[in-house]
Amino acid sequence: MTPTHPGEPLAPHELAVTWNPDPLLLGALLLAAWAYHRGWTHRGQARSDRRRSEVWRAGCFAAGSVAVALALLSPLDALAGVLASAHMVQHLLLVLVAAPLLAWSSPSGVLLRGSPPVVARAVSRWRRRLRMTGHHPLRHPGTVWLLHVTALWGWHAAAAYDAALEHRLVHALEHASFLVTGVLFWRLLVGPRAVRVFPGVAVLLIFTMALQSVLLSVLLTFAGTPWYSGYASTTQPWGLDPLADQQLAGAIMWVPAGLVYLGAALALLVGWLRDTQGDDVAPTTAVSLEASGAPGPR
């Protein structure tokens, strides 16, 4: 919904009614929810008892979808058009909330099972062709890391950022690149075992991702002049000048995003150490049993 006075920036009293009823995005989310539900119930016909991990993945998919809707369909989308700080919140919802949740849910199998047969057959043929050729560039950690970093830095360049503010198609491309590269990145860390990288590599990936995020946020926070001309006349109704709004955006990227990366890195590190200790205990136990003459596990 557009502001009450066309041509004027969004005012605070107009925010509550500025939902974004984008039919393509809303339709895509509803279609994905329908396919996932269909695939989930189809699995239930063959097996009534569900493992806790399957229920957890379904919850992650639902939460990730809600995060996408909150970022792109709620009034936050309109607010992002007038405040860089709101735009940053929108980006972080996609990159650090929706992307890891969707990667964690590993929804491809369930979505494929719930898709119409013609779609499922086409996707299956494409996946088999990729396996036969061994062509998996989007599973290579270096490639995925570079794609994600390029998307984050490229869209924060002044020309690309202002173009996204001015043109809805460019804005949609920006959001899609954040979400897609984000899902690809997080799949390497929390996705299916066949895709997940070695824990030490995962910790290195997220540590370097956090470093580049901090660097970008520092540049935004301590810039002496505003980077984006699109906010030159839109921040005043919200009690901010463009530079203060940009500095707030940098602080949001610096602190909350840094905490997410730090928490994820610590969780991966703890899991890695726990697995390492488990691998060390097993051989020690076997040697002790052999020395004592006690029977080992059968």
C-alpha atoms as a PDB file:
ATOM      1  CA  MET A   1       0.000   0.000   0.000  1.00  0.00           C
ATOM      2  CA  THR A   2       1.327   3.440  -0.931  1.00  0.00           C
ATOM      3  CA  PRO A   3       1.537   6.407   1.442  1.00  0.00           C
ATOM      4  CA  THR A   4      -1.528   8.592   1.912  1.00  0.00           C
ATOM      5  CA  HIS A   5       0.171  11.469   0.070  1.00  0.00           C
ATOM      6  CA  PRO A   6       1.825  10.200  -3.119  1.00  0.00           C
ATOM      7  CA  GLY A   7       5.256  11.661  -3.779  1.00  0.00           C
ATOM      8  CA  GLU A   8       5.943  12.223  -0.079  1.00  0.00           C
ATOM      9  CA  PRO A   9       8.038   9.895   2.102  1.00  0.00           C
ATOM     10  CA  LEU A  10       6.298   7.392   4.333  1.00  0.00           C
ATOM     11  CA  ALA A  11       5.249   8.925   7.663  1.00  0.00           C
ATOM     12  CA  PRO A  12       5.131   7.040  10.992  1.00  0.00           C
ATOM     13  CA  HIS A  13       1.324   7.150  11.230  1.00  0.00           C
ATOM     14  CA  GLU A  14       1.053   5.424   7.821  1.00  0.00           C
ATOM     15  CA  LEU A  15       3.279   2.448   8.648  1.00  0.00           C
ATOM     16  CA  ALA A  16       0.589   0.120  10.018  1.00  0.00           C
ATOM     17  CA  VAL A  17      -1.287   0.009   6.703  1.00  0.00           C
ATOM     18  CA  THR A  18       1.681  -0.331   4.352  1.00  0.00           C
ATOM     19  CA  TRP A  19       1.613  -4.099   3.846  1.00  0.00           C
ATOM     20  CA  ASN A  20       3.105  -5.392   0.596  1.00  0.00           C
ATOM     21  CA  PRO A  21       0.531  -7.649  -1.107  1.00  0.00           C
ATOM     22  CA  ASP A  22       2.931  -8.768  -3.840  1.00  0.00           C
ATOM     23  CA  PRO A  23       0.977 -11.502  -5.679  1.00  0.00           C
ATOM     24  CA  LEU A  24       4.078 -13.273  -7.039  1.00  0.00           C
ATOM     25  CA  LEU A  25       5.845 -13.469  -3.693  1.00  0.00           C
ATOM     26  CA  LEU A  26       2.697 -14.346  -1.779  1.00  0.00           C
ATOM     27  CA  GLY A  27       1.835 -16.975  -4.380  1.00  0.00           C
ATOM     28  CA  ALA A  28       5.338 -18.467  -4.222  1.00  0.00           C
ATOM     29  CA  LEU A  29       5.205 -18.739  -0.421  1.00  0.00           C
ATOM     30  CA  LEU A  30       1.744 -20.297  -0.482  1.00  0.00           C
ATOM     31  CA  LEU A  31       2.781 -22.717  -3.244  1.00  0.00           C
ATOM     32  CA  ALA A  32       5.852 -23.780  -1.286  1.00  0.00           C
ATOM     33  CA  ALA A  33       3.741 -24.269   1.855  1.00  0.00           C
ATOM     34  CA  TRP A  34       1.220 -26.347  -0.111  1.00  0.00           C
ATOM     35  CA  ALA A  35       3.914 -28.546  -1.677  1.00  0.00           C
ATOM     36  CA  TYR A  36       5.650 -29.048   1.666  1.00  0.00           C
ATOM     37  CA  HIS A  37       2.398 -29.965   3.412  1.00  0.00           C
ATOM     38  CA  ARG A  38       1.515 -32.359   0.590  1.00  0.00           C
ATOM     39  CA  GLY A  39       4.917 -34.007   0.728  1.00  0.00           C
ATOM     40  CA  TRP A  40       4.739 -34.218   4.516  1.00  0.00           C
ATOM     41  CA  THR A  41       1.297 -35.873   4.558  1.00  0.00           C
ATOM     42  CA  HIS A  42       2.299 -38.237   1.733  1.00  0.00           C
ATOM     43  CA  ARG A  43       5.227 -39.397   3.875  1.00  0.00           C
ATOM     44  CA  GLY A  44       2.811 -39.841   6.766  1.00  0.00           C
ATOM     45  CA  GLN A  45       0.658 -42.283   4.779  1.00  0.00           C
ATOM     46  CA  ALA A  46       3.601 -44.650   4.507  1.00  0.00           C
ATOM     47  CA  ARG A  47       4.784 -44.144   8.073  1.00  0.00           C
ATOM     48  CA  SER A  48       2.710 -42.759  10.905  1.00  0.00           C
ATOM     49  CA  ASP A  49       5.459 -42.329  13.510  1.00  0.00           C
ATOM     50  CA  ARG A  50       7.694 -39.363  12.855  1.00  0.00           C
ATOM     51  CA  ARG A  51      11.168 -38.923  14.217  1.00  0.00           C
ATOM     52  CA  ARG A  52      11.823 -35.842  16.279  1.00  0.00           C
ATOM     53  CA  SER A  53      14.322 -34.601  13.673  1.00  0.00           C
ATOM     54  CA  GLU A  54      11.648 -34.639  10.962  1.00  0.00           C
ATOM     55  CA  VAL A  55       9.249 -32.603  13.120  1.00  0.00           C
ATOM     56  CA  TRP A  56      12.099 -30.190  13.915  1.00  0.00           C
ATOM     57  CA  ARG A  57      12.908 -29.729  10.220  1.00  0.00           C
ATOM     58  CA  ALA A  58       9.248 -29.052   9.428  1.00  0.00           C
ATOM     59  CA  GLY A  59       9.176 -26.406  12.155  1.00  0.00           C
ATOM     60  CA  CYS A  60      12.336 -24.808  10.745  1.00  0.00           C
ATOM     61  CA  PHE A  61      10.799 -24.652   7.275  1.00  0.00           C
ATOM     62  CA  ALA A  62       7.654 -23.001   8.646  1.00  0.00           C
ATOM     63  CA  ALA A  63       9.673 -20.508  10.703  1.00  0.00           C
ATOM     64  CA  GLY A  64      11.938 -19.712   7.747  1.00  0.00           C
ATOM     65  CA  SER A  65       8.938 -19.073   5.524  1.00  0.00           C
ATOM     66  CA  VAL A  66       7.422 -16.775   8.156  1.00  0.00           C
ATOM     67  CA  ALA A  67      10.729 -14.876   8.359  1.00  0.00           C
ATOM     68  CA  VAL A  68      10.677 -14.343   4.580  1.00  0.00           C
ATOM     69  CA  ALA A  69       7.082 -13.112   4.756  1.00  0.00           C
ATOM     70  CA  LEU A  70       7.911 -10.792   7.656  1.00  0.00           C
ATOM     71  CA  ALA A  71      10.860  -9.319   5.769  1.00  0.00           C
ATOM     72  CA  LEU A  72       9.162  -8.836   2.410  1.00  0.00           C
ATOM     73  CA  LEU A  73       5.381  -8.642   2.930  1.00  0.00           C
ATOM     74  CA  SER A  74       5.020  -6.802   6.240  1.00  0.00           C
ATOM     75  CA  PRO A  75       5.253  -3.000   6.747  1.00  0.00           C
ATOM     76  CA  LEU A  76       8.994  -3.516   7.233  1.00  0.00           C
ATOM     77  CA  ASP A  77       9.293  -3.586   3.432  1.00  0.00           C
ATOM     78  CA  ALA A  78       7.805  -0.100   3.121  1.00  0.00           C
ATOM     79  CA  LEU A  79       9.890   1.179   6.023  1.00  0.00           C
ATOM     80  CA  ALA A  80      13.019  -0.142   4.287  1.00  0.00           C
ATOM     81  CA  GLY A  81      12.268   2.265   1.454  1.00  0.00           C
ATOM     82  CA  VAL A  82      12.687   5.286   3.726  1.00  0.00           C
ATOM     83  CA  LEU A  83      15.223   4.155   6.356  1.00  0.00           C
ATOM     84  CA  ALA A  84      18.550   2.415   5.773  1.00  0.00           C
ATOM     85  CA  SER A  85      18.331   0.991   9.297  1.00  0.00           C
ATOM     86  CA  ALA A  86      15.035  -0.731   8.470  1.00  0.00           C
ATOM     87  CA  HIS A  87      16.531  -1.949   5.202  1.00  0.00           C
ATOM     88  CA  MET A  88      19.365  -3.501   7.214  1.00  0.00           C
ATOM     89  CA  VAL A  89      16.882  -5.284   9.479  1.00  0.00           C
ATOM     90  CA  GLN A  90      15.194  -6.624   6.359  1.00  0.00           C
ATOM     91  CA  HIS A  91      18.507  -7.932   5.021  1.00  0.00           C
ATOM     92  CA  LEU A  92      19.425  -9.584   8.312  1.00  0.00           C
ATOM     93  CA  LEU A  93      16.046 -11.302   8.509  1.00  0.00           C
ATOM     94  CA  LEU A  94      16.742 -12.876   5.120  1.00  0.00           C
ATOM     95  CA  VAL A  95      20.427 -13.706   5.639  1.00  0.00           C
ATOM     96  CA  LEU A  96      20.617 -14.616   9.337  1.00  0.00           C
ATOM     97  CA  VAL A  97      17.107 -15.867  10.150  1.00  0.00           C
ATOM     98  CA  ALA A  98      15.324 -17.191   7.072  1.00  0.00           C
ATOM     99  CA  ALA A  99      18.404 -18.599   5.306  1.00  0.00           C
ATOM    100  CA  PRO A 100      19.750 -20.745   8.187  1.00  0.00           C
ATOM    101  CA  LEU A 101      16.257 -21.980   9.086  1.00  0.00           C
ATOM    102  CA  LEU A 102      15.540 -23.026   5.499  1.00  0.00           C
ATOM    103  CA  ALA A 103      18.971 -24.640   5.196  1.00  0.00           C
ATOM    104  CA  TRP A 104      18.464 -26.485   8.468  1.00  0.00           C
ATOM    105  CA  SER A 105      15.055 -27.778   7.340  1.00  0.00           C
ATOM    106  CA  SER A 106      16.547 -29.499   4.240  1.00  0.00           C
ATOM    107  CA  PRO A 107      13.186 -29.166   2.461  1.00  0.00           C
ATOM    108  CA  SER A 108      14.114 -30.340  -1.044  1.00  0.00           C
ATOM    109  CA  GLY A 109      13.024 -33.966  -0.564  1.00  0.00           C
ATOM    110  CA  VAL A 110       9.678 -33.081   0.997  1.00  0.00           C
ATOM    111  CA  LEU A 111       8.995 -30.344  -1.572  1.00  0.00           C
ATOM    112  CA  LEU A 112       9.835 -32.700  -4.422  1.00  0.00           C
ATOM    113  CA  ARG A 113       7.538 -35.366  -3.014  1.00  0.00           C
ATOM    114  CA  GLY A 114       4.723 -32.838  -2.743  1.00  0.00           C
ATOM    115  CA  SER A 115       5.184 -31.270  -6.184  1.00  0.00           C
ATOM    116  CA  PRO A 116       3.083 -32.190  -9.232  1.00  0.00           C
ATOM    117  CA  PRO A 117       4.500 -35.272 -11.029  1.00  0.00           C
ATOM    118  CA  VAL A 118       5.696 -33.320 -14.072  1.00  0.00           C
ATOM    119  CA  VAL A 119       7.701 -30.950 -11.856  1.00  0.00           C
ATOM    120  CA  ALA A 120       9.076 -33.784  -9.725  1.00  0.00           C
ATOM    121  CA  ARG A 121      10.211 -35.729 -12.809  1.00  0.00           C
ATOM    122  CA  ALA A 122      11.898 -32.680 -14.348  1.00  0.00           C
ATOM    123  CA  VAL A 123      13.761 -31.850 -11.140  1.00  0.00           C
ATOM    124  CA  SER A 124      14.784 -35.482 -10.655  1.00  0.00           C
ATOM    125  CA  ARG A 125      16.208 -35.649 -14.185  1.00  0.00           C
ATOM    126  CA  TRP A 126      18.153 -32.428 -13.587  1.00  0.00           C
ATOM    127  CA  ARG A 127      19.557 -33.710 -10.294  1.00  0.00           C
ATOM    128  CA  ARG A 128      20.587 -37.040 -11.854  1.00  0.00           C
ATOM    129  CA  ARG A 129      22.320 -35.211 -14.687  1.00  0.00           C
ATOM    130  CA  LEU A 130      24.302 -33.150 -12.195  1.00  0.00           C
ATOM    131  CA  ARG A 131      25.330 -36.282 -10.311  1.00  0.00           C
ATOM    132  CA  MET A 132      26.454 -37.992 -13.512  1.00  0.00           C
ATOM    133  CA  THR A 133      28.608 -35.069 -14.567  1.00  0.00           C
ATOM    134  CA  GLY A 134      29.898 -34.483 -11.056  1.00  0.00           C
ATOM    135  CA  HIS A 135      29.166 -30.790 -11.616  1.00  0.00           C
ATOM    136  CA  HIS A 136      28.560 -29.382  -8.126  1.00  0.00           C
ATOM    137  CA  PRO A 137      30.051 -25.861  -8.079  1.00  0.00           C
ATOM    138  CA  LEU A 138      27.413 -24.692  -5.612  1.00  0.00           C
ATOM    139  CA  ARG A 139      28.638 -27.234  -3.081  1.00  0.00           C
ATOM    140  CA  HIS A 140      32.214 -25.985  -3.099  1.00  0.00           C
ATOM    141  CA  PRO A 141      32.825 -23.973   0.102  1.00  0.00           C
ATOM    142  CA  GLY A 142      35.058 -21.398  -1.576  1.00  0.00           C
ATOM    143  CA  THR A 143      32.587 -20.753  -4.399  1.00  0.00           C
ATOM    144  CA  VAL A 144      29.593 -20.454  -2.076  1.00  0.00           C
ATOM    145  CA  TRP A 145      31.450 -18.196   0.367  1.00  0.00           C
ATOM    146  CA  LEU A 146      32.561 -15.909  -2.456  1.00  0.00           C
ATOM    147  CA  LEU A 147      29.053 -15.735  -3.950  1.00  0.00           C
ATOM    148  CA  HIS A 148      27.530 -14.782  -0.603  1.00  0.00           C
ATOM    149  CA  VAL A 149      30.160 -12.163   0.190  1.00  0.00           C
ATOM    150  CA  THR A 150      29.865 -10.718  -3.322  1.00  0.00           C
ATOM    151  CA  ALA A 151      26.101 -10.381  -2.888  1.00  0.00           C
ATOM    152  CA  LEU A 152      26.460  -8.674   0.488  1.00  0.00           C
ATOM    153  CA  TRP A 153      29.134  -6.187  -0.589  1.00  0.00           C
ATOM    154  CA  GLY A 154      27.856  -5.677  -4.126  1.00  0.00           C
ATOM    155  CA  TRP A 155      24.349  -4.672  -3.053  1.00  0.00           C
ATOM    156  CA  HIS A 156      25.698  -2.281  -0.406  1.00  0.00           C
ATOM    157  CA  ALA A 157      27.617  -0.330  -3.056  1.00  0.00           C
ATOM    158  CA  ALA A 158      25.931   3.028  -3.571  1.00  0.00           C
ATOM    159  CA  ALA A 159      24.914   2.554  -7.218  1.00  0.00           C
ATOM    160  CA  ALA A 160      23.370  -0.891  -6.700  1.00  0.00           C
ATOM    161  CA  TYR A 161      21.687   0.112  -3.432  1.00  0.00           C
ATOM    162  CA  ASP A 162      20.079   3.233  -4.907  1.00  0.00           C
ATOM    163  CA  ALA A 163      18.974   1.258  -7.965  1.00  0.00           C
ATOM    164  CA  ALA A 164      17.258  -1.262  -5.665  1.00  0.00           C
ATOM    165  CA  LEU A 165      15.450   1.575  -3.888  1.00  0.00           C
ATOM    166  CA  GLU A 166      14.260   3.049  -7.182  1.00  0.00           C
ATOM    167  CA  HIS A 167      13.261  -0.077  -9.131  1.00  0.00           C
ATOM    168  CA  ARG A 168      11.126  -2.862  -7.658  1.00  0.00           C
ATOM    169  CA  LEU A 169      12.572  -5.486 -10.019  1.00  0.00           C
ATOM    170  CA  VAL A 170      16.112  -4.659  -8.935  1.00  0.00           C
ATOM    171  CA  HIS A 171      14.966  -4.699  -5.315  1.00  0.00           C
ATOM    172  CA  ALA A 172      13.475  -8.167  -5.812  1.00  0.00           C
ATOM    173  CA  LEU A 173      16.729  -9.358  -7.386  1.00  0.00           C
ATOM    174  CA  GLU A 174      18.629  -8.002  -4.368  1.00  0.00           C
ATOM    175  CA  HIS A 175      16.430  -9.919  -1.940  1.00  0.00           C
ATOM    176  CA  ALA A 176      16.598 -13.104  -4.009  1.00  0.00           C
ATOM    177  CA  SER A 177      20.396 -12.996  -4.161  1.00  0.00           C
ATOM    178  CA  PHE A 178      20.633 -12.486  -0.389  1.00  0.00           C
ATOM    179  CA  LEU A 179      18.286 -15.377   0.349  1.00  0.00           C
ATOM    180  CA  VAL A 180      19.618 -17.841  -2.237  1.00  0.00           C
ATOM    181  CA  THR A 181      23.307 -17.299  -1.491  1.00  0.00           C
ATOM    182  CA  GLY A 182      22.482 -17.288   2.220  1.00  0.00           C
ATOM    183  CA  VAL A 183      20.759 -20.675   2.003  1.00  0.00           C
ATOM    184  CA  LEU A 184      23.670 -22.077  -0.018  1.00  0.00           C
ATOM    185  CA  PHE A 185      26.125 -20.800   2.601  1.00  0.00           C
ATOM    186  CA  TRP A 186      24.224 -22.110   5.624  1.00  0.00           C
ATOM    187  CA  ARG A 187      23.654 -25.494   3.960  1.00  0.00           C
ATOM    188  CA  LEU A 188      27.404 -26.039   4.187  1.00  0.00           C
ATOM    189  CA  LEU A 189      27.179 -25.531   7.954  1.00  0.00           C
ATOM    190  CA  VAL A 190      23.830 -27.008   9.068  1.00  0.00           C
ATOM    191  CA  GLY A 191      22.403 -28.701   5.962  1.00  0.00           C
ATOM    192  CA  PRO A 192      22.220 -32.398   5.060  1.00  0.00           C
ATOM    193  CA  ARG A 193      25.249 -34.520   5.965  1.00  0.00           C
ATOM    194  CA  ALA A 194      25.999 -35.120   2.281  1.00  0.00           C
ATOM    195  CA  VAL A 195      26.464 -31.368   1.768  1.00  0.00           C
ATOM    196  CA  ARG A 196      27.841 -30.289   5.135  1.00  0.00           C
ATOM    197  CA  VAL A 197      31.541 -29.473   5.282  1.00  0.00           C
ATOM    198  CA  PHE A 198      34.054 -30.734   7.853  1.00  0.00           C
ATOM    199  CA  PRO A 199      33.417 -28.978  11.225  1.00  0.00           C
ATOM    200  CA  GLY A 200      36.798 -27.249  11.197  1.00  0.00           C
ATOM    201  CA  VAL A 201      36.073 -25.828   7.754  1.00  0.00           C
ATOM    202  CA  ALA A 202      32.601 -24.767   8.930  1.00  0.00           C
ATOM    203  CA  VAL A 203      34.083 -22.797  11.828  1.00  0.00           C
ATOM    204  CA  LEU A 204      36.566 -21.142   9.460  1.00  0.00           C
ATOM    205  CA  LEU A 205      33.811 -20.237   6.983  1.00  0.00           C
ATOM    206  CA  ILE A 206      31.586 -18.599   9.556  1.00  0.00           C
ATOM    207  CA  PHE A 207      34.535 -16.834  11.230  1.00  0.00           C
ATOM    208  CA  THR A 208      35.625 -15.257   7.940  1.00  0.00           C
ATOM    209  CA  MET A 209      32.001 -14.410   7.117  1.00  0.00           C
ATOM    210  CA  ALA A 210      31.725 -12.619  10.445  1.00  0.00           C
ATOM    211  CA  LEU A 211      34.954 -10.708   9.759  1.00  0.00           C
ATOM    212  CA  GLN A 212      33.777  -9.338   6.433  1.00  0.00           C
ATOM    213  CA  SER A 213      30.401  -8.438   7.976  1.00  0.00           C
ATOM    214  CA  VAL A 214      32.151  -6.482  10.742  1.00  0.00           C
ATOM    215  CA  LEU A 215      34.325  -4.687   8.189  1.00  0.00           C
ATOM    216  CA  LEU A 216      31.308  -3.596   6.144  1.00  0.00           C
ATOM    217  CA  SER A 217      29.424  -2.499   9.239  1.00  0.00           C
ATOM    218  CA  VAL A 218      32.411  -0.458  10.455  1.00  0.00           C
ATOM    219  CA  LEU A 219      32.595   1.326   7.104  1.00  0.00           C
ATOM    220  CA  LEU A 220      28.882   2.135   7.282  1.00  0.00           C
ATOM    221  CA  THR A 221      28.995   3.233  10.912  1.00  0.00           C
ATOM    222  CA  PHE A 222      32.014   5.514  10.721  1.00  0.00           C
ATOM    223  CA  ALA A 223      31.427   7.000   7.272  1.00  0.00           C
ATOM    224  CA  GLY A 224      31.670  10.792   7.292  1.00  0.00           C
ATOM    225  CA  THR A 225      28.967  11.276   4.653  1.00  0.00           C
ATOM    226  CA  PRO A 226      25.838   9.315   3.662  1.00  0.00           C
ATOM    227  CA  TRP A 227      26.417   6.664   0.998  1.00  0.00           C
ATOM    228  CA  TYR A 228      22.901   6.452  -0.422  1.00  0.00           C
ATOM    229  CA  SER A 229      21.131   9.322  -2.168  1.00  0.00           C
ATOM    230  CA  GLY A 230      17.820   7.455  -2.031  1.00  0.00           C
ATOM    231  CA  TYR A 231      17.437   8.344   1.651  1.00  0.00           C
ATOM    232  CA  ALA A 232      18.358  12.022   1.298  1.00  0.00           C
ATOM    233  CA  SER A 233      14.786  13.248   1.887  1.00  0.00           C
ATOM    234  CA  THR A 234      13.022  10.284   3.505  1.00  0.00           C
ATOM    235  CA  THR A 235      14.460  10.022   7.010  1.00  0.00           C
ATOM    236  CA  GLN A 236      13.340  13.368   8.475  1.00  0.00           C
ATOM    237  CA  PRO A 237       9.782  12.282   9.404  1.00  0.00           C
ATOM    238  CA  TRP A 238      11.368   9.565  11.554  1.00  0.00           C
ATOM    239  CA  GLY A 239      13.577  11.951  13.517  1.00  0.00           C
ATOM    240  CA  LEU A 240      16.837  10.967  11.823  1.00  0.00           C
ATOM    241  CA  ASP A 241      19.149  12.622   9.347  1.00  0.00           C
ATOM    242  CA  PRO A 242      20.517  10.385   6.544  1.00  0.00           C
ATOM    243  CA  LEU A 243      23.969   9.983   8.133  1.00  0.00           C
ATOM    244  CA  ALA A 244      22.571   9.022  11.557  1.00  0.00           C
ATOM    245  CA  ASP A 245      20.229   6.547   9.881  1.00  0.00           C
ATOM    246  CA  GLN A 246      23.163   4.996   8.001  1.00  0.00           C
ATOM    247  CA  GLN A 247      25.213   4.796  11.196  1.00  0.00           C
ATOM    248  CA  LEU A 248      22.318   3.053  12.927  1.00  0.00           C
ATOM    249  CA  ALA A 249      22.183   0.590  10.037  1.00  0.00           C
ATOM    250  CA  GLY A 250      25.886  -0.107  10.473  1.00  0.00           C
ATOM    251  CA  ALA A 251      25.429  -0.641  14.222  1.00  0.00           C
ATOM    252  CA  ILE A 252      22.583  -3.077  13.579  1.00  0.00           C
ATOM    253  CA  MET A 253      24.789  -5.021  11.194  1.00  0.00           C
ATOM    254  CA  TRP A 254      27.707  -4.862  13.621  1.00  0.00           C
ATOM    255  CA  VAL A 255      26.164  -5.981  16.923  1.00  0.00           C
ATOM    256  CA  PRO A 256      23.115  -8.227  16.332  1.00  0.00           C
ATOM    257  CA  ALA A 257      24.596  -9.840  13.212  1.00  0.00           C
ATOM    258  CA  GLY A 258      27.927 -10.307  14.972  1.00  0.00           C
ATOM    259  CA  LEU A 259      26.184 -12.031  17.870  1.00  0.00           C
ATOM    260  CA  VAL A 260      24.434 -14.440  15.497  1.00  0.00           C
ATOM    261  CA  TYR A 261      27.690 -15.329  13.760  1.00  0.00           C
ATOM    262  CA  LEU A 262      29.464 -15.685  17.115  1.00  0.00           C
ATOM    263  CA  GLY A 263      26.741 -17.932  18.512  1.00  0.00           C
ATOM    264  CA  ALA A 264      26.754 -20.116  15.405  1.00  0.00           C
ATOM    265  CA  ALA A 265      30.556 -20.382  15.446  1.00  0.00           C
ATOM    266  CA  LEU A 266      30.578 -21.372  19.117  1.00  0.00           C
ATOM    267  CA  ALA A 267      27.856 -23.980  18.551  1.00  0.00           C
ATOM    268  CA  LEU A 268      29.789 -25.480  15.637  1.00  0.00           C
ATOM    269  CA  LEU A 269      33.013 -25.439  17.647  1.00  0.00           C
ATOM    270  CA  VAL A 270      31.403 -27.151  20.644  1.00  0.00           C
ATOM    271  CA  GLY A 271      29.862 -29.787  18.380  1.00  0.00           C
ATOM    272  CA  TRP A 272      33.209 -30.380  16.713  1.00  0.00           C
ATOM    273  CA  LEU A 273      35.010 -30.795  20.046  1.00  0.00           C
ATOM    274  CA  ARG A 274      32.294 -33.129  21.320  1.00  0.00           C
ATOM    275  CA  ASP A 275      32.587 -35.304  18.222  1.00  0.00           C
ATOM    276  CA  THR A 276      36.366 -35.347  18.547  1.00  0.00           C
ATOM    277  CA  GLN A 277      36.136 -36.446  22.179  1.00  0.00           C
ATOM    278  CA  GLY A 278      33.658 -39.154  21.213  1.00  0.00           C
ATOM    279  CA  ASP A 279      36.057 -40.488  18.574  1.00  0.00           C
ATOM    280  CA  ASP A 280      38.869 -40.564  21.152  1.00  0.00           C
ATOM    281  CA  VAL A 281      36.795 -42.369  23.792  1.00  0.00           C
ATOM    282  CA  ALA A 282      35.696 -45.228  21.506  1.00  0.00           C
ATOM    283  CA  PRO A 283      39.190 -46.634  20.733  1.00  0.00           C
ATOM    284  CA  THR A 284      40.218 -46.237  24.398  1.00  0.00           C
ATOM    285  CA  THR A 285      37.200 -48.225  25.542  1.00  0.00           C
ATOM    286  CA  ALA A 286      37.900 -50.974  23.008  1.00  0.00           C
ATOM    287  CA  VAL A 287      41.534 -51.283  24.174  1.00  0.00           C
ATOM    288  CA  SER A 288      40.479 -51.452  27.828  1.00  0.00           C
ATOM    289  CA  LEU A 289      37.959 -54.188  27.117  1.00  0.00           C
ATOM    290  CA  GLU A 290      40.518 -56.174  25.165  1.00  0.00           C
ATOM    291  CA  ALA A 291      43.124 -55.902  27.962  1.00  0.00           C
ATOM    292  CA  SER A 292      40.650 -57.024  30.616  1.00  0.00           C
ATOM    293  CA  GLY A 293      39.332 -59.883  28.567  1.00  0.00           C
ATOM    294  CA  ALA A 294      35.797 -58.570  28.847  1.00  0.00           C
ATOM    295  CA  PRO A 295      33.496 -59.049  25.849  1.00  0.00           C
ATOM    296  CA  GLY A 296      32.998 -56.000  23.706  1.00  0.00           C
ATOM    297  CA  PRO A 297      29.674 -54.669  22.418  1.00  0.00           C
ATOM    298  CA  ARG A 298      27.922 -56.968  19.978  1.00  0.00           C
END
